[in-house]
Amino acid sequence: MSNRLFISFEFNRPDRTYDRVVRTIKSLGEPWVEIHFAHWYLTTALTAAQACERLKSALDPSDELIVIDVTNRQVAWFNLSKDATGRLTEDGYARESSK
């Protein structure tokens, strides 16, 4: 099954390497496209939670990440603010877990 994911991340340390994250994103599936800096769209067999788990290994623990599966209306995130997670929850997006 093909899932269409939007991926958005933000570095919170200036010394992070963008190339490592990009390689990881590109390995998740294709076709992919970088819409804006640190905002991607791709097709993959992975769920939002699976993609999130893979991307976490390329990110620093202080970085932020959200993966939105527009095919199945699922979302997974890492280290988002309480305001962001609260709003997502209010709008009916439960955090998808890969566990």
Protein backbone atom coordinates (compact mmCIF):
# COMPACT_ATOMS: atom_id res chain seq x y z
CA MET A 1 0.00 0.00 0.00
CA SER A 2 1.24 3.48 -0.80
CA ASN A 3 1.04 6.16 1.84
CA ARG A 4 1.58 9.82 1.03
CA LEU A 5 3.54 11.58 3.74
CA PHE A 6 4.38 15.18 4.49
CA ILE A 7 7.54 15.46 6.58
CA SER A 8 8.62 18.64 8.32
CA PHE A 9 11.55 19.09 10.69
CA GLU A 10 13.45 21.85 12.42
CA PHE A 11 16.99 21.82 13.72
CA ASN A 12 17.41 23.34 17.16
CA ARG A 13 21.21 23.22 17.09
CA PRO A 14 23.17 25.16 14.47
CA ASP A 15 25.71 22.38 13.84
CA ARG A 16 23.24 19.82 12.44
CA THR A 17 23.96 18.23 9.07
CA TYR A 18 21.09 18.62 6.63
CA ASP A 19 22.52 16.01 4.24
CA ARG A 20 22.11 13.15 6.73
CA VAL A 21 18.42 13.89 7.22
CA VAL A 22 17.86 14.29 3.47
CA ARG A 23 19.49 10.90 2.77
CA THR A 24 17.20 9.32 5.36
CA ILE A 25 14.10 10.98 3.88
CA LYS A 26 15.03 9.86 0.37
CA SER A 27 15.52 6.28 1.63
CA LEU A 28 11.92 6.14 2.91
CA GLY A 29 10.29 5.95 -0.53
CA GLU A 30 9.73 7.65 -3.83
CA PRO A 31 8.80 9.67 -5.62
CA TRP A 32 9.77 12.45 -3.20
CA VAL A 33 10.01 16.20 -3.50
CA GLU A 34 11.38 18.93 -1.26
CA ILE A 35 8.61 21.52 -1.13
CA HIS A 36 10.51 24.04 1.02
CA PHE A 37 13.62 23.80 3.12
CA ALA A 38 12.95 20.99 5.64
CA HIS A 39 9.47 20.26 4.23
CA TRP A 40 9.10 17.12 2.09
CA TYR A 41 6.39 15.08 0.41
CA LEU A 42 6.85 11.45 -0.59
CA THR A 43 5.15 8.15 -1.32
CA THR A 44 6.11 5.14 0.79
CA ALA A 45 4.90 1.81 2.13
CA LEU A 46 5.78 3.02 5.65
CA THR A 47 3.32 4.39 8.17
CA ALA A 48 3.81 7.84 9.68
CA ALA A 49 5.13 6.25 12.88
CA GLN A 50 7.60 4.04 11.03
CA ALA A 51 8.92 6.99 9.03
CA CYS A 52 9.16 9.06 12.23
CA GLU A 53 11.18 6.34 13.96
CA ARG A 54 13.64 6.12 11.06
CA LEU A 55 14.05 9.88 10.90
CA LYS A 56 14.66 10.22 14.65
CA SER A 57 17.98 8.42 14.19
CA ALA A 58 19.15 11.21 11.84
CA LEU A 59 18.05 14.00 14.17
CA ASP A 60 19.40 15.41 17.42
CA PRO A 61 17.19 14.86 20.51
CA SER A 62 16.55 18.63 20.57
CA ASP A 63 15.29 18.76 16.97
CA GLU A 64 11.58 18.72 16.04
CA LEU A 65 9.80 16.45 13.58
CA ILE A 66 6.27 15.81 12.35
CA VAL A 67 5.19 13.21 9.79
CA ILE A 68 1.66 13.47 8.41
CA ASP A 69 0.12 10.63 6.43
CA VAL A 70 -2.50 12.31 4.25
CA THR A 71 -3.62 8.97 2.82
CA ASN A 72 -4.75 7.53 6.16
CA ARG A 73 -5.09 10.75 8.23
CA GLN A 74 -2.43 9.65 10.70
CA VAL A 75 0.32 11.67 12.31
CA ALA A 76 3.50 10.94 14.24
CA TRP A 77 5.83 13.45 15.83
CA PHE A 78 8.96 13.90 17.85
CA ASN A 79 9.69 16.70 20.28
CA LEU A 80 6.92 19.12 19.22
CA SER A 81 5.78 21.91 21.53
CA LYS A 82 2.84 21.43 23.89
CA ASP A 83 0.89 24.04 21.90
CA ALA A 84 1.39 22.12 18.66
CA THR A 85 0.57 18.71 20.11
CA GLY A 86 -2.44 20.15 21.94
CA ARG A 87 -3.84 21.63 18.76
CA LEU A 88 -3.29 18.39 16.81
CA THR A 89 -5.07 16.46 19.55
CA GLU A 90 -7.96 18.96 19.61
CA ASP A 91 -8.41 18.44 15.87
CA GLY A 92 -8.68 14.70 16.33
CA TYR A 93 -5.15 13.60 15.44
CA ALA A 94 -4.03 10.97 17.89
CA ARG A 95 -0.30 10.37 17.88
CA GLU A 96 0.37 7.20 15.93
CA SER A 97 2.74 4.82 17.65
CA SER A 98 5.01 2.28 15.99
CA LYS A 99 5.17 0.18 19.13
